[in-house]
Amino acid sequence: MTIPSAGDTGLAVPTPGILFAAALAAALAVSCSEAPTGPPFTHTVHRTTAVVVHDSLGAPAEGATVRLVAAFDSAGIAPVFTATTDADGVASVVLPQGWWGVHGLAAGSDPKVAGAAFIVPGLPRPEIDTIVVRITLHTPSVARGRVLLGSRTEHGGTIVSCPPAPPFAVTDSNGAFVLDLLPLGRWTITMHHPGFSFGLANIDVTTPGDTLTVADVHLDSILP
């Protein structure tokens, strides 16, 4: 399937799963490298980003919650911004340049979601340019799976998330988790447990309202 892309960036955008997995790998590599010696100052460009949210019939989705998550930095931190759409279905946020994922949620008894990945470009594009990202709401999907901790018999306590979607889960004693509110697209599930290796699993959400089964992920102990 084709993942919704940034409307007016004029740039090719990879799938969200590749975006976050590649960014995380790069961040970990940077954090483990030698400290740079006097790097030159680089100017970070900030741009107004307008996220336009529509329902499946093309009508503006007023009051939808928009969550924007940046790629992980060298400390493993991903900045997060939230906003609410106006009567025209638009939520505007000023974002620094770089890779971003966006998740839209129209809450209620029958919630709808949407998602996309995009780039806030740096120079030489004029800083006054506004980035427009258009997403369309649909029925959310669910992902289920297990995270197993080395040779342990008790596998609970792993934090599982799928950015930029807002929910996170904590595995039970069997290592089982459930993530909901997932939009269409290719996403990367992240798994973190203190004392164990970091886990990643890619998922392809191709059908609204689908339930996906994620293959078991095994985390190795990193303690001596």
C-alpha atoms as a PDB file:
ATOM      1  CA  MET A   1       0.000   0.000   0.000  1.00  0.00           C
ATOM      2  CA  THR A   2       0.976   3.646  -0.281  1.00  0.00           C
ATOM      3  CA  ILE A   3       1.466   5.511   2.975  1.00  0.00           C
ATOM      4  CA  PRO A   4       0.163   9.111   3.017  1.00  0.00           C
ATOM      5  CA  SER A   5       3.046  11.482   2.363  1.00  0.00           C
ATOM      6  CA  ALA A   6       3.837  15.066   3.159  1.00  0.00           C
ATOM      7  CA  GLY A   7       1.691  17.180   0.904  1.00  0.00           C
ATOM      8  CA  ASP A   8       3.998  20.065  -0.009  1.00  0.00           C
ATOM      9  CA  THR A   9       7.498  19.026   0.997  1.00  0.00           C
ATOM     10  CA  GLY A  10       8.529  18.078  -2.539  1.00  0.00           C
ATOM     11  CA  LEU A  11      10.710  15.343  -1.045  1.00  0.00           C
ATOM     12  CA  ALA A  12      10.580  11.568  -1.272  1.00  0.00           C
ATOM     13  CA  VAL A  13       9.559  10.089   2.083  1.00  0.00           C
ATOM     14  CA  PRO A  14      10.424   6.516   3.135  1.00  0.00           C
ATOM     15  CA  THR A  15       8.032   4.351   5.099  1.00  0.00           C
ATOM     16  CA  PRO A  16       7.616   5.229   8.802  1.00  0.00           C
ATOM     17  CA  GLY A  17       9.072   1.905   9.954  1.00  0.00           C
ATOM     18  CA  ILE A  18      12.275   2.515   8.014  1.00  0.00           C
ATOM     19  CA  LEU A  19      12.322   6.111   9.245  1.00  0.00           C
ATOM     20  CA  PHE A  20      12.257   5.301  12.951  1.00  0.00           C
ATOM     21  CA  ALA A  21      14.394   2.156  12.767  1.00  0.00           C
ATOM     22  CA  ALA A  22      17.109   3.896  10.742  1.00  0.00           C
ATOM     23  CA  ALA A  23      17.020   6.974  12.954  1.00  0.00           C
ATOM     24  CA  LEU A  24      17.306   4.879  16.106  1.00  0.00           C
ATOM     25  CA  ALA A  25      20.230   2.915  14.706  1.00  0.00           C
ATOM     26  CA  ALA A  26      21.985   6.137  13.738  1.00  0.00           C
ATOM     27  CA  ALA A  27      21.367   7.646  17.166  1.00  0.00           C
ATOM     28  CA  LEU A  28      22.802   4.635  18.942  1.00  0.00           C
ATOM     29  CA  ALA A  29      25.860   4.723  16.682  1.00  0.00           C
ATOM     30  CA  VAL A  30      26.426   8.398  17.438  1.00  0.00           C
ATOM     31  CA  SER A  31      25.973   7.934  21.181  1.00  0.00           C
ATOM     32  CA  CYS A  32      28.673   5.242  21.229  1.00  0.00           C
ATOM     33  CA  SER A  33      31.203   7.100  19.083  1.00  0.00           C
ATOM     34  CA  GLU A  34      34.039   9.327  20.213  1.00  0.00           C
ATOM     35  CA  ALA A  35      33.192  12.894  21.181  1.00  0.00           C
ATOM     36  CA  PRO A  36      33.657  15.289  18.256  1.00  0.00           C
ATOM     37  CA  THR A  37      36.416  17.870  18.453  1.00  0.00           C
ATOM     38  CA  GLY A  38      34.983  21.321  17.936  1.00  0.00           C
ATOM     39  CA  PRO A  39      32.159  20.671  15.441  1.00  0.00           C
ATOM     40  CA  PRO A  40      31.086  23.685  13.382  1.00  0.00           C
ATOM     41  CA  PHE A  41      27.906  25.463  14.465  1.00  0.00           C
ATOM     42  CA  THR A  42      24.896  24.425  12.434  1.00  0.00           C
ATOM     43  CA  HIS A  43      21.706  26.462  12.224  1.00  0.00           C
ATOM     44  CA  THR A  44      18.554  24.453  12.995  1.00  0.00           C
ATOM     45  CA  VAL A  45      15.642  25.538  10.840  1.00  0.00           C
ATOM     46  CA  HIS A  46      12.162  25.670  12.378  1.00  0.00           C
ATOM     47  CA  ARG A  47       9.080  25.656  10.166  1.00  0.00           C
ATOM     48  CA  THR A  48       5.352  25.940  10.645  1.00  0.00           C
ATOM     49  CA  THR A  49       3.839  22.542   9.887  1.00  0.00           C
ATOM     50  CA  ALA A  50       0.122  22.314   9.110  1.00  0.00           C
ATOM     51  CA  VAL A  51      -1.403  18.861   9.563  1.00  0.00           C
ATOM     52  CA  VAL A  52      -4.690  18.624   7.654  1.00  0.00           C
ATOM     53  CA  VAL A  53      -7.014  15.869   8.901  1.00  0.00           C
ATOM     54  CA  HIS A  54     -10.046  14.658   6.945  1.00  0.00           C
ATOM     55  CA  ASP A  55     -12.526  11.866   7.488  1.00  0.00           C
ATOM     56  CA  SER A  56     -13.033   9.097   4.922  1.00  0.00           C
ATOM     57  CA  LEU A  57     -15.532  11.272   3.000  1.00  0.00           C
ATOM     58  CA  GLY A  58     -13.108  14.176   2.738  1.00  0.00           C
ATOM     59  CA  ALA A  59     -14.767  16.376   5.376  1.00  0.00           C
ATOM     60  CA  PRO A  60     -12.548  18.314   7.828  1.00  0.00           C
ATOM     61  CA  ALA A  61     -12.075  16.532  11.167  1.00  0.00           C
ATOM     62  CA  GLU A  62     -12.504  19.187  13.826  1.00  0.00           C
ATOM     63  CA  GLY A  63     -11.242  18.418  17.344  1.00  0.00           C
ATOM     64  CA  ALA A  64      -8.903  15.588  16.326  1.00  0.00           C
ATOM     65  CA  THR A  65      -5.762  15.106  18.408  1.00  0.00           C
ATOM     66  CA  VAL A  66      -2.559  15.314  16.381  1.00  0.00           C
ATOM     67  CA  ARG A  67       0.639  13.825  17.824  1.00  0.00           C
ATOM     68  CA  LEU A  68       3.986  14.496  16.167  1.00  0.00           C
ATOM     69  CA  VAL A  69       7.045  12.443  17.098  1.00  0.00           C
ATOM     70  CA  ALA A  70      10.568  13.210  15.929  1.00  0.00           C
ATOM     71  CA  ALA A  71      13.260  10.679  15.135  1.00  0.00           C
ATOM     72  CA  PHE A  72      15.346   9.630  18.144  1.00  0.00           C
ATOM     73  CA  ASP A  73      18.306  11.875  18.937  1.00  0.00           C
ATOM     74  CA  SER A  74      21.766  10.703  20.065  1.00  0.00           C
ATOM     75  CA  ALA A  75      20.480  10.294  23.634  1.00  0.00           C
ATOM     76  CA  GLY A  76      17.636   8.040  22.499  1.00  0.00           C
ATOM     77  CA  ILE A  77      15.042  10.770  23.128  1.00  0.00           C
ATOM     78  CA  ALA A  78      12.238  11.511  20.666  1.00  0.00           C
ATOM     79  CA  PRO A  79      10.640  14.967  21.033  1.00  0.00           C
ATOM     80  CA  VAL A  80       6.838  14.918  20.966  1.00  0.00           C
ATOM     81  CA  PHE A  81       4.376  17.699  20.089  1.00  0.00           C
ATOM     82  CA  THR A  82       0.581  17.573  20.330  1.00  0.00           C
ATOM     83  CA  ALA A  83      -2.116  19.835  18.898  1.00  0.00           C
ATOM     84  CA  THR A  84      -5.865  19.842  18.170  1.00  0.00           C
ATOM     85  CA  THR A  85      -7.427  20.472  14.781  1.00  0.00           C
ATOM     86  CA  ASP A  86      -9.616  23.529  14.216  1.00  0.00           C
ATOM     87  CA  ALA A  87     -12.911  23.787  12.323  1.00  0.00           C
ATOM     88  CA  ASP A  88     -11.024  23.349   9.056  1.00  0.00           C
ATOM     89  CA  GLY A  89      -9.381  20.150  10.296  1.00  0.00           C
ATOM     90  CA  VAL A  90      -5.979  21.854  10.586  1.00  0.00           C
ATOM     91  CA  ALA A  91      -3.470  21.672  13.445  1.00  0.00           C
ATOM     92  CA  SER A  92      -0.400  23.922  13.165  1.00  0.00           C
ATOM     93  CA  VAL A  93       2.864  23.384  15.043  1.00  0.00           C
ATOM     94  CA  VAL A  94       6.352  24.862  14.662  1.00  0.00           C
ATOM     95  CA  LEU A  95       8.823  21.986  14.243  1.00  0.00           C
ATOM     96  CA  PRO A  96      12.600  21.797  13.892  1.00  0.00           C
ATOM     97  CA  GLN A  97      14.057  20.299  10.733  1.00  0.00           C
ATOM     98  CA  GLY A  98      14.355  16.529  10.522  1.00  0.00           C
ATOM     99  CA  TRP A  99      12.317  13.354  10.253  1.00  0.00           C
ATOM    100  CA  TRP A 100       8.832  13.264  11.812  1.00  0.00           C
ATOM    101  CA  GLY A 101       5.936  10.868  12.207  1.00  0.00           C
ATOM    102  CA  VAL A 102       2.366  12.089  12.717  1.00  0.00           C
ATOM    103  CA  HIS A 103      -0.630  10.324  14.286  1.00  0.00           C
ATOM    104  CA  GLY A 104      -4.162  11.682  14.149  1.00  0.00           C
ATOM    105  CA  LEU A 105      -6.945  10.526  16.480  1.00  0.00           C
ATOM    106  CA  ALA A 106     -10.638  11.350  16.437  1.00  0.00           C
ATOM    107  CA  ALA A 107     -11.692   9.949  19.806  1.00  0.00           C
ATOM    108  CA  GLY A 108     -15.148   8.758  20.799  1.00  0.00           C
ATOM    109  CA  SER A 109     -17.214   5.593  20.916  1.00  0.00           C
ATOM    110  CA  ASP A 110     -15.987   4.744  17.401  1.00  0.00           C
ATOM    111  CA  PRO A 111     -12.438   6.184  17.258  1.00  0.00           C
ATOM    112  CA  LYS A 112     -10.663   6.806  13.966  1.00  0.00           C
ATOM    113  CA  VAL A 113      -6.937   7.222  13.324  1.00  0.00           C
ATOM    114  CA  ALA A 114      -4.491   8.271  10.620  1.00  0.00           C
ATOM    115  CA  GLY A 115      -0.724   8.369  10.257  1.00  0.00           C
ATOM    116  CA  ALA A 116       2.115   9.457   7.985  1.00  0.00           C
ATOM    117  CA  ALA A 117       5.837  10.232   7.896  1.00  0.00           C
ATOM    118  CA  PHE A 118       7.389  13.401   6.525  1.00  0.00           C
ATOM    119  CA  ILE A 119      10.485  15.601   6.507  1.00  0.00           C
ATOM    120  CA  VAL A 120      10.839  19.152   7.780  1.00  0.00           C
ATOM    121  CA  PRO A 121      13.623  20.324   5.433  1.00  0.00           C
ATOM    122  CA  GLY A 122      16.508  22.523   6.458  1.00  0.00           C
ATOM    123  CA  LEU A 123      18.344  25.072   4.361  1.00  0.00           C
ATOM    124  CA  PRO A 124      18.453  26.225   1.576  1.00  0.00           C
ATOM    125  CA  ARG A 125      14.649  26.091   1.464  1.00  0.00           C
ATOM    126  CA  PRO A 126      13.298  29.443   2.777  1.00  0.00           C
ATOM    127  CA  GLU A 127      12.402  29.291   6.471  1.00  0.00           C
ATOM    128  CA  ILE A 128       9.072  31.039   5.835  1.00  0.00           C
ATOM    129  CA  ASP A 129       7.754  28.012   3.925  1.00  0.00           C
ATOM    130  CA  THR A 130       4.942  26.072   5.599  1.00  0.00           C
ATOM    131  CA  ILE A 131       4.994  22.278   5.428  1.00  0.00           C
ATOM    132  CA  VAL A 132       1.567  20.757   4.749  1.00  0.00           C
ATOM    133  CA  VAL A 133       0.830  17.135   5.682  1.00  0.00           C
ATOM    134  CA  ARG A 134      -2.544  15.603   4.805  1.00  0.00           C
ATOM    135  CA  ILE A 135      -3.903  12.493   6.541  1.00  0.00           C
ATOM    136  CA  THR A 136      -7.234  10.651   6.277  1.00  0.00           C
ATOM    137  CA  LEU A 137      -8.964   8.992   9.237  1.00  0.00           C
ATOM    138  CA  HIS A 138      -9.964   5.329   9.237  1.00  0.00           C
ATOM    139  CA  THR A 139     -10.718   2.463  11.645  1.00  0.00           C
ATOM    140  CA  PRO A 140      -7.659   1.667  13.823  1.00  0.00           C
ATOM    141  CA  SER A 141      -5.867  -1.662  13.866  1.00  0.00           C
ATOM    142  CA  VAL A 142      -4.373  -3.737  16.689  1.00  0.00           C
ATOM    143  CA  ALA A 143      -1.065  -5.576  17.049  1.00  0.00           C
ATOM    144  CA  ARG A 144      -0.487  -8.490  19.444  1.00  0.00           C
ATOM    145  CA  GLY A 145       2.723 -10.301  20.271  1.00  0.00           C
ATOM    146  CA  ARG A 146       5.188 -11.461  22.921  1.00  0.00           C
ATOM    147  CA  VAL A 147       8.544 -10.197  24.179  1.00  0.00           C
ATOM    148  CA  LEU A 148      10.637 -12.909  25.828  1.00  0.00           C
ATOM    149  CA  LEU A 149      13.474 -12.078  28.213  1.00  0.00           C
ATOM    150  CA  GLY A 150      16.458 -14.346  27.657  1.00  0.00           C
ATOM    151  CA  SER A 151      16.307 -17.490  29.771  1.00  0.00           C
ATOM    152  CA  ARG A 152      13.819 -16.080  32.264  1.00  0.00           C
ATOM    153  CA  THR A 153      10.558 -17.858  33.002  1.00  0.00           C
ATOM    154  CA  GLU A 154       8.865 -14.577  33.970  1.00  0.00           C
ATOM    155  CA  HIS A 155       8.730 -12.180  31.022  1.00  0.00           C
ATOM    156  CA  GLY A 156       6.723  -9.202  32.314  1.00  0.00           C
ATOM    157  CA  GLY A 157       7.616  -5.531  32.515  1.00  0.00           C
ATOM    158  CA  THR A 158       8.809  -4.729  28.980  1.00  0.00           C
ATOM    159  CA  ILE A 159       7.590  -1.369  27.645  1.00  0.00           C
ATOM    160  CA  VAL A 160       6.259  -1.723  24.103  1.00  0.00           C
ATOM    161  CA  SER A 161       5.303   1.179  21.834  1.00  0.00           C
ATOM    162  CA  CYS A 162       4.774   1.974  18.168  1.00  0.00           C
ATOM    163  CA  PRO A 163       5.602   5.636  17.477  1.00  0.00           C
ATOM    164  CA  PRO A 164       4.045   7.917  16.480  1.00  0.00           C
ATOM    165  CA  ALA A 165       0.907   6.150  17.812  1.00  0.00           C
ATOM    166  CA  PRO A 166       0.218   7.307  21.389  1.00  0.00           C
ATOM    167  CA  PRO A 167      -0.531   4.054  23.248  1.00  0.00           C
ATOM    168  CA  PHE A 168       2.152   1.987  24.939  1.00  0.00           C
ATOM    169  CA  ALA A 169       1.832  -1.406  26.574  1.00  0.00           C
ATOM    170  CA  VAL A 170       3.631  -3.261  29.359  1.00  0.00           C
ATOM    171  CA  THR A 171       4.044  -6.992  28.835  1.00  0.00           C
ATOM    172  CA  ASP A 172       2.403  -9.420  31.252  1.00  0.00           C
ATOM    173  CA  SER A 173       4.164 -12.329  32.949  1.00  0.00           C
ATOM    174  CA  ASN A 174       3.992 -14.322  29.704  1.00  0.00           C
ATOM    175  CA  GLY A 175       5.547 -11.471  27.737  1.00  0.00           C
ATOM    176  CA  ALA A 176       2.281 -10.724  25.919  1.00  0.00           C
ATOM    177  CA  PHE A 177       1.311  -7.230  24.761  1.00  0.00           C
ATOM    178  CA  VAL A 178      -1.469  -5.525  22.808  1.00  0.00           C
ATOM    179  CA  LEU A 179      -1.110  -2.202  20.977  1.00  0.00           C
ATOM    180  CA  ASP A 180      -4.172  -0.453  19.592  1.00  0.00           C
ATOM    181  CA  LEU A 181      -5.002   2.764  17.680  1.00  0.00           C
ATOM    182  CA  LEU A 182      -2.576   1.812  14.906  1.00  0.00           C
ATOM    183  CA  PRO A 183      -2.990   3.608  11.546  1.00  0.00           C
ATOM    184  CA  LEU A 184      -2.361   2.251   8.074  1.00  0.00           C
ATOM    185  CA  GLY A 185       1.279   2.058   7.061  1.00  0.00           C
ATOM    186  CA  ARG A 186       4.542   0.332   7.835  1.00  0.00           C
ATOM    187  CA  TRP A 187       5.590   0.975  11.428  1.00  0.00           C
ATOM    188  CA  THR A 188       8.282  -0.127  13.856  1.00  0.00           C
ATOM    189  CA  ILE A 189       7.348  -1.484  17.278  1.00  0.00           C
ATOM    190  CA  THR A 190       9.974  -0.737  19.946  1.00  0.00           C
ATOM    191  CA  MET A 191      10.610  -2.835  23.052  1.00  0.00           C
ATOM    192  CA  HIS A 192      12.593  -1.738  26.097  1.00  0.00           C
ATOM    193  CA  HIS A 193      13.394  -3.611  29.297  1.00  0.00           C
ATOM    194  CA  PRO A 194      16.201  -2.506  31.685  1.00  0.00           C
ATOM    195  CA  GLY A 195      19.139  -4.883  31.546  1.00  0.00           C
ATOM    196  CA  PHE A 196      18.190  -6.324  28.158  1.00  0.00           C
ATOM    197  CA  SER A 197      18.905  -5.515  24.525  1.00  0.00           C
ATOM    198  CA  PHE A 198      16.594  -3.138  22.659  1.00  0.00           C
ATOM    199  CA  GLY A 199      13.947  -4.853  20.512  1.00  0.00           C
ATOM    200  CA  LEU A 200      12.424  -3.813  17.191  1.00  0.00           C
ATOM    201  CA  ALA A 201       9.703  -5.393  15.042  1.00  0.00           C
ATOM    202  CA  ASN A 202       8.298  -4.034  11.772  1.00  0.00           C
ATOM    203  CA  ILE A 203       4.594  -4.334  11.029  1.00  0.00           C
ATOM    204  CA  ASP A 204       2.582  -3.613   7.882  1.00  0.00           C
ATOM    205  CA  VAL A 205      -0.925  -2.336   8.558  1.00  0.00           C
ATOM    206  CA  THR A 206      -2.699  -2.703   5.232  1.00  0.00           C
ATOM    207  CA  THR A 207      -6.357  -3.051   6.239  1.00  0.00           C
ATOM    208  CA  PRO A 208      -8.361  -0.752   8.552  1.00  0.00           C
ATOM    209  CA  GLY A 209      -9.566  -2.546  11.667  1.00  0.00           C
ATOM    210  CA  ASP A 210      -7.153  -5.439  11.229  1.00  0.00           C
ATOM    211  CA  THR A 211      -5.535  -7.453  14.046  1.00  0.00           C
ATOM    212  CA  LEU A 212      -1.879  -8.312  13.431  1.00  0.00           C
ATOM    213  CA  THR A 213       0.123 -11.032  15.139  1.00  0.00           C
ATOM    214  CA  VAL A 214       3.759 -10.107  15.717  1.00  0.00           C
ATOM    215  CA  ALA A 215       6.336 -12.900  15.836  1.00  0.00           C
ATOM    216  CA  ASP A 216       7.946 -13.469  19.249  1.00  0.00           C
ATOM    217  CA  VAL A 217      10.835 -11.106  19.955  1.00  0.00           C
ATOM    218  CA  HIS A 218      13.682 -12.336  22.179  1.00  0.00           C
ATOM    219  CA  LEU A 219      15.701  -9.813  24.168  1.00  0.00           C
ATOM    220  CA  ASP A 220      19.159 -10.858  25.369  1.00  0.00           C
ATOM    221  CA  SER A 221      20.533  -9.895  28.772  1.00  0.00           C
ATOM    222  CA  ILE A 222      23.262  -7.255  28.619  1.00  0.00           C
ATOM    223  CA  LEU A 223      24.194  -7.532  32.290  1.00  0.00           C
ATOM    224  CA  PRO A 224      27.559  -9.139  33.165  1.00  0.00           C
END
